[in-house]
Amino acid sequence: MKATKLDEPGQNELVHVGGCGTGWSSDLSRELLTLLEGMATKAPAVSLKRKDAVFVEPVLIAEVEYRAWTDDGNYRTLR
């Protein structure tokens, strides 16, 4: 897994808010891939097109830190 795409709840639907690198170990990456394979879906939950991306059902929650929002509504400087 190279990176994750992040969405958050909007008023009536999920909204894409950017992506981040993984920052976790190879062992954890393999564990997450196994978990996510069972959640794979053909279409993303948000309007987003990415070549070679694998989309999953939006059931997991991640806690991320960020410094600001970009003008187009994405997280900036994820940590």
Foldseek 3Di string as FASTA:
>chain_A
DFKAWDWDDDPDFIDTAGIDGDPDDPVVVVVVVVVQVVFWDDDARDPDDDPPDTHGDPDDDDDWDADDGDPVRHGHDID
